[in-house]
Amino acid sequence: MDIIKTAGAPEAIGPYAQAIVANGMVFCSGQIPLNPKSGLIEVEGAAEQTQQVLQNLRAVLEAAGSNLAKVVKTTVFLTDIGDFPAVNTVYAEMFGGHTPSRSTVQVARLPRGAKVEIEAIALT
């Protein structure tokens, strides 16, 4: 197993890796909309938070030798399922024509008061 750590995405805020590469797969921990430079959530809307989350996820994937086009599965966590349309629009733009399998669930809370968290599994 290889542990992935990149300054292009926020540092882990707990005892976990940004991602692990094992057997040709990248297992990315959930990303929230932290700015990697400041470590703060600097955007409020669900669409803007989704943009930052996916930029963070892209940085982790690239550090692992992968990219968004190689994602096979995501899980999207929302604090308000009513944000689904806004999140879905940004998600579709960021992934382009690629449509990995996905689950979306509403949760009570996310770290640091985020509205959106996304984790992913990808090919290397």
Protein backbone atom coordinates (compact mmCIF):
# COMPACT_ATOMS: atom_id res chain seq x y z
CA MET A 1 0.00 0.00 0.00
CA ASP A 2 1.13 3.53 -0.74
CA ILE A 3 -0.05 6.47 1.36
CA ILE A 4 -0.86 9.58 -0.66
CA LYS A 5 -0.21 13.03 0.72
CA THR A 6 -0.29 16.23 -1.33
CA ALA A 7 -0.19 19.92 -0.48
CA GLY A 8 -2.67 20.41 -3.35
CA ALA A 9 -5.48 19.26 -1.06
CA PRO A 10 -6.21 19.98 2.60
CA GLU A 11 -4.25 17.99 5.16
CA ALA A 12 -6.19 15.24 6.88
CA ILE A 13 -7.92 16.60 9.99
CA GLY A 14 -7.66 13.27 11.78
CA PRO A 15 -5.65 10.04 11.85
CA TYR A 16 -6.20 9.03 8.23
CA ALA A 17 -4.55 9.40 4.82
CA GLN A 18 -5.81 11.60 1.99
CA ALA A 19 -5.76 8.40 -0.07
CA ILE A 20 -4.30 4.91 -0.21
CA VAL A 21 -3.16 3.20 -3.41
CA ALA A 22 -3.47 -0.57 -3.35
CA ASN A 23 -3.63 -3.15 -6.13
CA GLY A 24 -4.11 -0.58 -8.89
CA MET A 25 -6.90 1.25 -7.06
CA VAL A 26 -6.99 4.62 -5.33
CA PHE A 27 -9.16 4.85 -2.23
CA CYS A 28 -9.72 8.55 -1.48
CA SER A 29 -10.87 9.73 1.90
CA GLY A 30 -13.79 12.12 1.94
CA GLN A 31 -12.96 15.68 0.94
CA ILE A 32 -14.74 18.68 2.35
CA PRO A 33 -14.51 22.21 0.89
CA LEU A 34 -11.42 23.35 2.77
CA ASN A 35 -9.09 25.68 0.90
CA PRO A 36 -5.80 23.73 0.93
CA LYS A 37 -3.78 26.88 1.58
CA SER A 38 -5.80 28.37 4.44
CA GLY A 39 -7.37 25.20 5.83
CA LEU A 40 -10.69 27.04 6.03
CA ILE A 41 -14.05 26.76 4.30
CA GLU A 42 -14.15 29.99 2.30
CA VAL A 43 -17.30 29.40 0.21
CA GLU A 44 -20.85 29.07 1.48
CA GLY A 45 -23.17 27.77 -1.23
CA ALA A 46 -23.53 24.07 -1.95
CA ALA A 47 -22.47 24.56 -5.60
CA GLU A 48 -19.34 26.49 -4.63
CA GLN A 49 -18.51 23.97 -1.91
CA THR A 50 -18.89 21.13 -4.41
CA GLN A 51 -16.47 22.90 -6.76
CA GLN A 52 -13.85 23.14 -3.99
CA VAL A 53 -14.45 19.55 -2.87
CA LEU A 54 -13.91 18.24 -6.40
CA GLN A 55 -10.81 20.39 -6.89
CA ASN A 56 -9.43 18.86 -3.67
CA LEU A 57 -10.38 15.38 -4.81
CA ARG A 58 -8.75 15.97 -8.21
CA ALA A 59 -5.50 17.03 -6.49
CA VAL A 60 -5.46 13.86 -4.37
CA LEU A 61 -6.17 11.67 -7.41
CA GLU A 62 -3.42 13.34 -9.44
CA ALA A 63 -0.94 12.86 -6.58
CA ALA A 64 -1.86 9.16 -6.72
CA GLY A 65 -1.27 8.97 -10.48
CA SER A 66 -4.97 9.02 -11.33
CA ASN A 67 -7.61 11.58 -12.31
CA LEU A 68 -11.36 12.22 -12.30
CA ALA A 69 -11.80 10.24 -15.54
CA LYS A 70 -10.58 7.11 -13.73
CA VAL A 71 -13.06 7.36 -10.85
CA VAL A 72 -15.27 4.28 -10.66
CA LYS A 73 -17.35 5.13 -7.55
CA THR A 74 -18.17 8.16 -5.44
CA THR A 75 -20.19 8.73 -2.34
CA VAL A 76 -21.64 12.20 -1.87
CA PHE A 77 -22.67 13.31 1.61
CA LEU A 78 -25.01 16.32 1.90
CA THR A 79 -26.34 18.03 5.00
CA ASP A 80 -29.42 19.05 2.98
CA ILE A 81 -30.69 16.78 0.22
CA GLY A 82 -32.40 19.89 -1.16
CA ASP A 83 -28.93 20.92 -2.37
CA PHE A 84 -28.86 17.88 -4.68
CA PRO A 85 -29.67 19.80 -7.91
CA ALA A 86 -26.93 22.42 -7.33
CA VAL A 87 -24.39 19.75 -6.37
CA ASN A 88 -25.38 17.58 -9.32
CA THR A 89 -24.84 20.43 -11.79
CA VAL A 90 -21.28 21.13 -10.60
CA TYR A 91 -20.53 17.40 -10.30
CA ALA A 92 -21.59 16.83 -13.93
CA GLU A 93 -19.47 19.79 -15.12
CA MET A 94 -16.37 18.59 -13.27
CA PHE A 95 -16.68 14.99 -14.44
CA GLY A 96 -17.60 15.96 -18.02
CA GLY A 97 -19.05 12.99 -19.88
CA HIS A 98 -17.68 10.52 -17.31
CA THR A 99 -20.37 9.10 -15.04
CA PRO A 100 -18.94 6.95 -12.25
CA SER A 101 -21.33 4.97 -10.08
CA ARG A 102 -22.49 7.07 -7.15
CA SER A 103 -24.43 7.10 -3.93
CA THR A 104 -25.77 10.31 -2.40
CA VAL A 105 -26.96 10.48 1.19
CA GLN A 106 -28.16 13.18 3.55
CA VAL A 107 -26.31 13.31 6.85
CA ALA A 108 -26.94 15.25 10.05
CA ARG A 109 -23.58 17.05 10.09
CA LEU A 110 -20.21 17.16 8.37
CA PRO A 111 -16.82 18.23 9.73
CA ARG A 112 -16.22 21.97 10.08
CA GLY A 113 -19.83 22.75 9.17
CA ALA A 114 -19.39 21.73 5.53
CA LYS A 115 -22.48 21.19 3.38
CA VAL A 116 -20.80 18.68 1.04
CA GLU A 117 -18.29 15.83 1.36
CA ILE A 118 -17.28 13.46 -1.42
CA GLU A 119 -15.17 10.29 -1.27
CA ALA A 120 -14.03 8.30 -4.29
CA ILE A 121 -12.51 5.07 -5.54
CA ALA A 122 -10.51 5.23 -8.77
CA LEU A 123 -8.16 3.28 -10.98
CA THR A 124 -4.49 4.30 -11.05
